[in-house]
Amino acid sequence: MSLNQQHRTMVRMLGVALVASVAFSGCATYKDDFARIDSRLDSIDSRVQGAAQSAESANQSAQQANRRLDALEGRVQQIESAPRRVPRG
């Protein structure tokens, strides 16, 4: 192999190595970007789960309050419909 061919081969190998290093460095930034996005999505998912639990708790409290109001409504109607008592004295 002549010196000229060795230079060409060396230049080709360096070119391939350079292209490969640029390609792999691009992948590393994509990995970092995806890791950041995944982290943000996990954080958002956690907050959504917390909000869903709070909403469920509020819903249960509201249902319990409605049941208590329904029970009181019957008693109020019973008292209002009862004949008036005449005061003593």
PDB file of N, CA and C in Angstrom:
ATOM      1  N   MET A   1       0.853  -1.165   0.000  1.00  0.00           N
ATOM      2  CA  MET A   1       0.000   0.000   0.000  1.00  0.00           C
ATOM      3  C   MET A   1       0.900   1.229   0.000  1.00  0.00           C
ATOM      4  N   SER A   2       0.569   2.143  -0.852  1.00  0.00           N
ATOM      5  CA  SER A   2       1.397   3.338  -0.952  1.00  0.00           C
ATOM      6  C   SER A   2       1.029   4.327   0.150  1.00  0.00           C
ATOM      7  N   LEU A   3       1.877   5.288   0.346  1.00  0.00           N
ATOM      8  CA  LEU A   3       1.670   6.304   1.373  1.00  0.00           C
ATOM      9  C   LEU A   3       0.399   7.098   1.098  1.00  0.00           C
ATOM     10  N   ASN A   4       0.105   7.353  -0.154  1.00  0.00           N
ATOM     11  CA  ASN A   4      -1.090   8.099  -0.540  1.00  0.00           C
ATOM     12  C   ASN A   4      -2.352   7.325  -0.178  1.00  0.00           C
ATOM     13  N   GLN A   5      -2.362   6.023  -0.421  1.00  0.00           N
ATOM     14  CA  GLN A   5      -3.528   5.208  -0.088  1.00  0.00           C
ATOM     15  C   GLN A   5      -3.706   5.125   1.433  1.00  0.00           C
ATOM     16  N   GLN A   6      -2.605   5.059   2.151  1.00  0.00           N
ATOM     17  CA  GLN A   6      -2.690   5.022   3.608  1.00  0.00           C
ATOM     18  C   GLN A   6      -3.299   6.311   4.151  1.00  0.00           C
ATOM     19  N   HIS A   7      -2.953   7.427   3.556  1.00  0.00           N
ATOM     20  CA  HIS A   7      -3.524   8.711   3.979  1.00  0.00           C
ATOM     21  C   HIS A   7      -5.025   8.742   3.709  1.00  0.00           C
ATOM     22  N   ARG A   8      -5.393   8.266   2.525  1.00  0.00           N
ATOM     23  CA  ARG A   8      -6.831   8.238   2.194  1.00  0.00           C
ATOM     24  C   ARG A   8      -7.590   7.344   3.162  1.00  0.00           C
ATOM     25  N   THR A   9      -7.021   6.188   3.441  1.00  0.00           N
ATOM     26  CA  THR A   9      -7.672   5.264   4.372  1.00  0.00           C
ATOM     27  C   THR A   9      -7.780   5.900   5.756  1.00  0.00           C
ATOM     28  N   MET A  10      -6.713   6.545   6.178  1.00  0.00           N
ATOM     29  CA  MET A  10      -6.715   7.208   7.488  1.00  0.00           C
ATOM     30  C   MET A  10      -7.745   8.333   7.535  1.00  0.00           C
ATOM     31  N   VAL A  11      -7.816   9.123   6.458  1.00  0.00           N
ATOM     32  CA  VAL A  11      -8.780  10.221   6.396  1.00  0.00           C
ATOM     33  C   VAL A  11     -10.197   9.672   6.417  1.00  0.00           C
ATOM     34  N   ARG A  12     -10.443   8.576   5.704  1.00  0.00           N
ATOM     35  CA  ARG A  12     -11.782   7.971   5.706  1.00  0.00           C
ATOM     36  C   ARG A  12     -12.147   7.491   7.117  1.00  0.00           C
ATOM     37  N   MET A  13     -11.210   6.818   7.772  1.00  0.00           N
ATOM     38  CA  MET A  13     -11.487   6.314   9.115  1.00  0.00           C
ATOM     39  C   MET A  13     -11.741   7.455  10.089  1.00  0.00           C
ATOM     40  N   LEU A  14     -10.959   8.512   9.965  1.00  0.00           N
ATOM     41  CA  LEU A  14     -11.182   9.674  10.829  1.00  0.00           C
ATOM     42  C   LEU A  14     -12.530  10.328  10.524  1.00  0.00           C
ATOM     43  N   GLY A  15     -12.888  10.393   9.250  1.00  0.00           N
ATOM     44  CA  GLY A  15     -14.188  10.950   8.860  1.00  0.00           C
ATOM     45  C   GLY A  15     -15.334  10.137   9.432  1.00  0.00           C
ATOM     46  N   VAL A  16     -15.225   8.803   9.324  1.00  0.00           N
ATOM     47  CA  VAL A  16     -16.266   7.928   9.883  1.00  0.00           C
ATOM     48  C   VAL A  16     -16.324   8.097  11.393  1.00  0.00           C
ATOM     49  N   ALA A  17     -15.163   8.168  12.041  1.00  0.00           N
ATOM     50  CA  ALA A  17     -15.137   8.348  13.489  1.00  0.00           C
ATOM     51  C   ALA A  17     -15.753   9.684  13.889  1.00  0.00           C
ATOM     52  N   LEU A  18     -15.460  10.708  13.115  1.00  0.00           N
ATOM     53  CA  LEU A  18     -16.015  12.029  13.402  1.00  0.00           C
ATOM     54  C   LEU A  18     -17.535  12.023  13.255  1.00  0.00           C
ATOM     55  N   VAL A  19     -18.030  11.441  12.170  1.00  0.00           N
ATOM     56  CA  VAL A  19     -19.483  11.365  11.952  1.00  0.00           C
ATOM     57  C   VAL A  19     -20.133  10.549  13.060  1.00  0.00           C
ATOM     58  N   ALA A  20     -19.514   9.434  13.434  1.00  0.00           N
ATOM     59  CA  ALA A  20     -20.070   8.592  14.485  1.00  0.00           C
ATOM     60  C   ALA A  20     -20.106   9.337  15.820  1.00  0.00           C
ATOM     61  N   SER A  21     -19.041  10.080  16.131  1.00  0.00           N
ATOM     62  CA  SER A  21     -19.026  10.798  17.409  1.00  0.00           C
ATOM     63  C   SER A  21     -20.085  11.894  17.441  1.00  0.00           C
ATOM     64  N   VAL A  22     -20.288  12.567  16.311  1.00  0.00           N
ATOM     65  CA  VAL A  22     -21.338  13.588  16.246  1.00  0.00           C
ATOM     66  C   VAL A  22     -22.701  12.934  16.395  1.00  0.00           C
ATOM     67  N   ALA A  23     -22.895  11.796  15.749  1.00  0.00           N
ATOM     68  CA  ALA A  23     -24.184  11.099  15.828  1.00  0.00           C
ATOM     69  C   ALA A  23     -24.455  10.639  17.254  1.00  0.00           C
ATOM     70  N   PHE A  24     -23.436  10.076  17.908  1.00  0.00           N
ATOM     71  CA  PHE A  24     -23.640   9.599  19.270  1.00  0.00           C
ATOM     72  C   PHE A  24     -23.817  10.743  20.255  1.00  0.00           C
ATOM     73  N   SER A  25     -23.154  11.836  20.033  1.00  0.00           N
ATOM     74  CA  SER A  25     -23.347  12.973  20.934  1.00  0.00           C
ATOM     75  C   SER A  25     -24.753  13.529  20.785  1.00  0.00           C
ATOM     76  N   GLY A  26     -25.310  13.466  19.587  1.00  0.00           N
ATOM     77  CA  GLY A  26     -26.698  13.878  19.382  1.00  0.00           C
ATOM     78  C   GLY A  26     -27.647  12.980  20.132  1.00  0.00           C
ATOM     79  N   CYS A  27     -27.364  11.687  20.143  1.00  0.00           N
ATOM     80  CA  CYS A  27     -28.205  10.744  20.877  1.00  0.00           C
ATOM     81  C   CYS A  27     -28.157  11.032  22.371  1.00  0.00           C
ATOM     82  N   ALA A  28     -27.001  11.412  22.856  1.00  0.00           N
ATOM     83  CA  ALA A  28     -26.882  11.703  24.287  1.00  0.00           C
ATOM     84  C   ALA A  28     -27.768  12.871  24.677  1.00  0.00           C
ATOM     85  N   THR A  29     -27.824  13.907  23.830  1.00  0.00           N
ATOM     86  CA  THR A  29     -28.689  15.034  24.174  1.00  0.00           C
ATOM     87  C   THR A  29     -30.147  14.632  24.088  1.00  0.00           C
ATOM     88  N   TYR A  30     -30.490  13.768  23.126  1.00  0.00           N
ATOM     89  CA  TYR A  30     -31.864  13.292  23.072  1.00  0.00           C
ATOM     90  C   TYR A  30     -32.195  12.487  24.324  1.00  0.00           C
ATOM     91  N   LYS A  31     -31.254  11.680  24.773  1.00  0.00           N
ATOM     92  CA  LYS A  31     -31.495  10.919  25.996  1.00  0.00           C
ATOM     93  C   LYS A  31     -31.717  11.862  27.174  1.00  0.00           C
ATOM     94  N   ASP A  32     -30.908  12.912  27.253  1.00  0.00           N
ATOM     95  CA  ASP A  32     -31.086  13.899  28.328  1.00  0.00           C
ATOM     96  C   ASP A  32     -32.444  14.584  28.215  1.00  0.00           C
ATOM     97  N   ASP A  33     -32.819  14.936  26.988  1.00  0.00           N
ATOM     98  CA  ASP A  33     -34.115  15.589  26.773  1.00  0.00           C
ATOM     99  C   ASP A  33     -35.253  14.666  27.180  1.00  0.00           C
ATOM    100  N   PHE A  34     -35.173  13.400  26.752  1.00  0.00           N
ATOM    101  CA  PHE A  34     -36.226  12.454  27.104  1.00  0.00           C
ATOM    102  C   PHE A  34     -36.264  12.209  28.608  1.00  0.00           C
ATOM    103  N   ALA A  35     -35.112  12.162  29.239  1.00  0.00           N
ATOM    104  CA  ALA A  35     -35.070  11.972  30.691  1.00  0.00           C
ATOM    105  C   ALA A  35     -35.731  13.147  31.402  1.00  0.00           C
ATOM    106  N   ARG A  36     -35.460  14.374  30.935  1.00  0.00           N
ATOM    107  CA  ARG A  36     -36.094  15.556  31.526  1.00  0.00           C
ATOM    108  C   ARG A  36     -37.603  15.528  31.312  1.00  0.00           C
ATOM    109  N   ILE A  37     -38.018  15.173  30.108  1.00  0.00           N
ATOM    110  CA  ILE A  37     -39.461  15.123  29.807  1.00  0.00           C
ATOM    111  C   ILE A  37     -40.132  14.046  30.648  1.00  0.00           C
ATOM    112  N   ASP A  38     -39.495  12.866  30.752  1.00  0.00           N
ATOM    113  CA  ASP A  38     -40.067  11.795  31.569  1.00  0.00           C
ATOM    114  C   ASP A  38     -40.193  12.229  33.030  1.00  0.00           C
ATOM    115  N   SER A  39     -39.198  12.934  33.511  1.00  0.00           N
ATOM    116  CA  SER A  39     -39.238  13.415  34.894  1.00  0.00           C
ATOM    117  C   SER A  39     -40.397  14.389  35.092  1.00  0.00           C
ATOM    118  N   ARG A  40     -40.576  15.290  34.143  1.00  0.00           N
ATOM    119  CA  ARG A  40     -41.683  16.253  34.251  1.00  0.00           C
ATOM    120  C   ARG A  40     -43.024  15.540  34.174  1.00  0.00           C
ATOM    121  N   LEU A  41     -43.135  14.552  33.273  1.00  0.00           N
ATOM    122  CA  LEU A  41     -44.388  13.800  33.157  1.00  0.00           C
ATOM    123  C   LEU A  41     -44.684  13.040  34.446  1.00  0.00           C
ATOM    124  N   ASP A  42     -43.655  12.455  35.058  1.00  0.00           N
ATOM    125  CA  ASP A  42     -43.860  11.760  36.331  1.00  0.00           C
ATOM    126  C   ASP A  42     -44.348  12.723  37.407  1.00  0.00           C
ATOM    127  N   SER A  43     -43.784  13.924  37.430  1.00  0.00           N
ATOM    128  CA  SER A  43     -44.196  14.929  38.400  1.00  0.00           C
ATOM    129  C   SER A  43     -45.651  15.337  38.175  1.00  0.00           C
ATOM    130  N   ILE A  44     -45.996  15.565  36.921  1.00  0.00           N
ATOM    131  CA  ILE A  44     -47.375  15.944  36.596  1.00  0.00           C
ATOM    132  C   ILE A  44     -48.331  14.817  36.943  1.00  0.00           C
ATOM    133  N   ASP A  45     -47.941  13.583  36.635  1.00  0.00           N
ATOM    134  CA  ASP A  45     -48.785  12.429  36.948  1.00  0.00           C
ATOM    135  C   ASP A  45     -49.014  12.321  38.449  1.00  0.00           C
ATOM    136  N   SER A  46     -47.977  12.562  39.220  1.00  0.00           N
ATOM    137  CA  SER A  46     -48.098  12.514  40.676  1.00  0.00           C
ATOM    138  C   SER A  46     -49.078  13.574  41.177  1.00  0.00           C
ATOM    139  N   ARG A  47     -48.975  14.790  40.621  1.00  0.00           N
ATOM    140  CA  ARG A  47     -49.893  15.856  41.041  1.00  0.00           C
ATOM    141  C   ARG A  47     -51.329  15.553  40.622  1.00  0.00           C
ATOM    142  N   VAL A  48     -51.504  14.963  39.452  1.00  0.00           N
ATOM    143  CA  VAL A  48     -52.857  14.608  38.995  1.00  0.00           C
ATOM    144  C   VAL A  48     -53.456  13.544  39.907  1.00  0.00           C
ATOM    145  N   GLN A  49     -52.627  12.553  40.287  1.00  0.00           N
ATOM    146  CA  GLN A  49     -53.116  11.515  41.195  1.00  0.00           C
ATOM    147  C   GLN A  49     -53.533  12.125  42.539  1.00  0.00           C
ATOM    148  N   GLY A  50     -52.739  13.059  43.046  1.00  0.00           N
ATOM    149  CA  GLY A  50     -53.087  13.729  44.300  1.00  0.00           C
ATOM    150  C   GLY A  50     -54.378  14.514  44.179  1.00  0.00           C
ATOM    151  N   ALA A  51     -54.550  15.202  43.060  1.00  0.00           N
ATOM    152  CA  ALA A  51     -55.774  15.974  42.841  1.00  0.00           C
ATOM    153  C   ALA A  51     -56.977  15.037  42.719  1.00  0.00           C
ATOM    154  N   ALA A  52     -56.791  13.897  42.080  1.00  0.00           N
ATOM    155  CA  ALA A  52     -57.891  12.939  41.934  1.00  0.00           C
ATOM    156  C   ALA A  52     -58.298  12.388  43.301  1.00  0.00           C
ATOM    157  N   GLN A  53     -57.314  12.107  44.151  1.00  0.00           N
ATOM    158  CA  GLN A  53     -57.630  11.622  45.498  1.00  0.00           C
ATOM    159  C   GLN A  53     -58.357  12.695  46.310  1.00  0.00           C
ATOM    160  N   SER A  54     -57.928  13.938  46.180  1.00  0.00           N
ATOM    161  CA  SER A  54     -58.600  15.029  46.897  1.00  0.00           C
ATOM    162  C   SER A  54     -60.027  15.195  46.408  1.00  0.00           C
ATOM    163  N   ALA A  55     -60.215  15.098  45.095  1.00  0.00           N
ATOM    164  CA  ALA A  55     -61.561  15.219  44.522  1.00  0.00           C
ATOM    165  C   ALA A  55     -62.454  14.082  45.001  1.00  0.00           C
ATOM    166  N   GLU A  56     -61.910  12.878  45.068  1.00  0.00           N
ATOM    167  CA  GLU A  56     -62.695  11.734  45.542  1.00  0.00           C
ATOM    168  C   GLU A  56     -63.084  11.915  47.007  1.00  0.00           C
ATOM    169  N   SER A  57     -62.157  12.410  47.805  1.00  0.00           N
ATOM    170  CA  SER A  57     -62.443  12.663  49.218  1.00  0.00           C
ATOM    171  C   SER A  57     -63.523  13.735  49.369  1.00  0.00           C
ATOM    172  N   ALA A  58     -63.424  14.803  48.586  1.00  0.00           N
ATOM    173  CA  ALA A  58     -64.436  15.870  48.635  1.00  0.00           C
ATOM    174  C   ALA A  58     -65.793  15.344  48.187  1.00  0.00           C
ATOM    175  N   ASN A  59     -65.795  14.483  47.191  1.00  0.00           N
ATOM    176  CA  ASN A  59     -67.051  13.900  46.705  1.00  0.00           C
ATOM    177  C   ASN A  59     -67.710  13.052  47.792  1.00  0.00           C
ATOM    178  N   GLN A  60     -66.907  12.248  48.479  1.00  0.00           N
ATOM    179  CA  GLN A  60     -67.468  11.429  49.556  1.00  0.00           C
ATOM    180  C   GLN A  60     -68.012  12.292  50.686  1.00  0.00           C
ATOM    181  N   SER A  61     -67.304  13.354  51.019  1.00  0.00           N
ATOM    182  CA  SER A  61     -67.789  14.266  52.067  1.00  0.00           C
ATOM    183  C   SER A  61     -69.099  14.927  51.656  1.00  0.00           C
ATOM    184  N   ALA A  62     -69.186  15.333  50.399  1.00  0.00           N
ATOM    185  CA  ALA A  62     -70.413  15.961  49.907  1.00  0.00           C
ATOM    186  C   ALA A  62     -71.580  14.978  49.930  1.00  0.00           C
ATOM    187  N   GLN A  63     -71.324  13.735  49.566  1.00  0.00           N
ATOM    188  CA  GLN A  63     -72.397  12.735  49.600  1.00  0.00           C
ATOM    189  C   GLN A  63     -72.878  12.496  51.028  1.00  0.00           C
ATOM    190  N   GLN A  64     -71.936  12.454  51.969  1.00  0.00           N
ATOM    191  CA  GLN A  64     -72.312  12.272  53.368  1.00  0.00           C
ATOM    192  C   GLN A  64     -73.128  13.472  53.863  1.00  0.00           C
ATOM    193  N   ALA A  65     -72.716  14.678  53.494  1.00  0.00           N
ATOM    194  CA  ALA A  65     -73.466  15.872  53.892  1.00  0.00           C
ATOM    195  C   ALA A  65     -74.865  15.862  53.286  1.00  0.00           C
ATOM    196  N   ASN A  66     -74.997  15.414  52.047  1.00  0.00           N
ATOM    197  CA  ASN A  66     -76.322  15.332  51.413  1.00  0.00           C
ATOM    198  C   ASN A  66     -77.216  14.330  52.132  1.00  0.00           C
ATOM    199  N   ARG A  67     -76.649  13.201  52.554  1.00  0.00           N
ATOM    200  CA  ARG A  67     -77.456  12.223  53.301  1.00  0.00           C
ATOM    201  C   ARG A  67     -77.942  12.811  54.622  1.00  0.00           C
ATOM    202  N   ARG A  68     -77.060  13.556  55.299  1.00  0.00           N
ATOM    203  CA  ARG A  68     -77.457  14.179  56.566  1.00  0.00           C
ATOM    204  C   ARG A  68     -78.550  15.230  56.337  1.00  0.00           C
ATOM    205  N   LEU A  69     -78.426  16.017  55.261  1.00  0.00           N
ATOM    206  CA  LEU A  69     -79.460  17.013  54.944  1.00  0.00           C
ATOM    207  C   LEU A  69     -80.784  16.344  54.620  1.00  0.00           C
ATOM    208  N   ASP A  70     -80.735  15.239  53.883  1.00  0.00           N
ATOM    209  CA  ASP A  70     -81.975  14.507  53.572  1.00  0.00           C
ATOM    210  C   ASP A  70     -82.643  14.011  54.845  1.00  0.00           C
ATOM    211  N   ALA A  71     -81.855  13.513  55.787  1.00  0.00           N
ATOM    212  CA  ALA A  71     -82.419  13.037  57.055  1.00  0.00           C
ATOM    213  C   ALA A  71     -83.028  14.195  57.846  1.00  0.00           C
ATOM    214  N   LEU A  72     -82.361  15.340  57.859  1.00  0.00           N
ATOM    215  CA  LEU A  72     -82.885  16.503  58.573  1.00  0.00           C
ATOM    216  C   LEU A  72     -84.144  17.049  57.907  1.00  0.00           C
ATOM    217  N   GLU A  73     -84.198  16.988  56.585  1.00  0.00           N
ATOM    218  CA  GLU A  73     -85.374  17.518  55.859  1.00  0.00           C
ATOM    219  C   GLU A  73     -86.647  16.817  56.302  1.00  0.00           C
ATOM    220  N   GLY A  74     -86.588  15.519  56.482  1.00  0.00           N
ATOM    221  CA  GLY A  74     -87.765  14.776  56.952  1.00  0.00           C
ATOM    222  C   GLY A  74     -88.195  15.224  58.331  1.00  0.00           C
ATOM    223  N   ARG A  75     -87.234  15.423  59.207  1.00  0.00           N
ATOM    224  CA  ARG A  75     -87.568  15.874  60.563  1.00  0.00           C
ATOM    225  C   ARG A  75     -88.140  17.283  60.554  1.00  0.00           C
ATOM    226  N   VAL A  76     -87.574  18.180  59.733  1.00  0.00           N
ATOM    227  CA  VAL A  76     -88.073  19.554  59.645  1.00  0.00           C
ATOM    228  C   VAL A  76     -89.508  19.557  59.134  1.00  0.00           C
ATOM    229  N   GLN A  77     -89.786  18.791  58.103  1.00  0.00           N
ATOM    230  CA  GLN A  77     -91.155  18.734  57.573  1.00  0.00           C
ATOM    231  C   GLN A  77     -92.123  18.175  58.613  1.00  0.00           C
ATOM    232  N   GLN A  78     -91.682  17.203  59.364  1.00  0.00           N
ATOM    233  CA  GLN A  78     -92.531  16.633  60.413  1.00  0.00           C
ATOM    234  C   GLN A  78     -92.850  17.681  61.474  1.00  0.00           C
ATOM    235  N   ILE A  79     -91.857  18.456  61.878  1.00  0.00           N
ATOM    236  CA  ILE A  79     -92.076  19.497  62.889  1.00  0.00           C
ATOM    237  C   ILE A  79     -92.982  20.594  62.342  1.00  0.00           C
ATOM    238  N   GLU A  80     -92.770  20.979  61.088  1.00  0.00           N
ATOM    239  CA  GLU A  80     -93.585  22.047  60.502  1.00  0.00           C
ATOM    240  C   GLU A  80     -95.028  21.620  60.312  1.00  0.00           C
ATOM    241  N   SER A  81     -95.265  20.366  60.057  1.00  0.00           N
ATOM    242  CA  SER A  81     -96.636  19.910  59.817  1.00  0.00           C
ATOM    243  C   SER A  81     -97.368  19.529  61.100  1.00  0.00           C
ATOM    244  N   ALA A  82     -96.670  19.453  62.209  1.00  0.00           N
ATOM    245  CA  ALA A  82     -97.308  19.092  63.481  1.00  0.00           C
ATOM    246  C   ALA A  82     -98.204  20.245  63.933  1.00  0.00           C
ATOM    247  N   PRO A  83     -99.270  19.907  64.624  1.00  0.00           N
ATOM    248  CA  PRO A  83    -100.152  20.974  65.113  1.00  0.00           C
ATOM    249  C   PRO A  83     -99.423  21.858  66.118  1.00  0.00           C
ATOM    250  N   ARG A  84     -99.768  23.122  66.077  1.00  0.00           N
ATOM    251  CA  ARG A  84     -99.144  24.068  66.989  1.00  0.00           C
ATOM    252  C   ARG A  84     -99.567  23.760  68.408  1.00  0.00           C
ATOM    253  N   ARG A  85     -98.593  23.861  69.277  1.00  0.00           N
ATOM    254  CA  ARG A  85     -98.894  23.638  70.684  1.00  0.00           C
ATOM    255  C   ARG A  85     -99.268  24.964  71.328  1.00  0.00           C
ATOM    256  N   VAL A  86    -100.247  24.905  72.141  1.00  0.00           N
ATOM    257  CA  VAL A  86    -100.705  26.097  72.837  1.00  0.00           C
ATOM    258  C   VAL A  86     -99.834  26.287  74.076  1.00  0.00           C
ATOM    259  N   PRO A  87     -99.298  27.473  74.249  1.00  0.00           N
ATOM    260  CA  PRO A  87     -98.453  27.683  75.435  1.00  0.00           C
ATOM    261  C   PRO A  87     -99.280  27.596  76.718  1.00  0.00           C
ATOM    262  N   ARG A  88     -98.644  27.121  77.743  1.00  0.00           N
ATOM    263  CA  ARG A  88     -99.318  27.026  79.041  1.00  0.00           C
ATOM    264  C   ARG A  88     -99.271  28.371  79.727  1.00  0.00           C
ATOM    265  N   GLY A  89    -100.284  28.653  80.443  1.00  0.00           N
ATOM    266  CA  GLY A  89    -100.209  29.819  81.264  1.00  0.00           C
ATOM    267  C   GLY A  89    -101.101  30.881  80.978  1.00  0.00           C
TER     268      GLY A  89
END
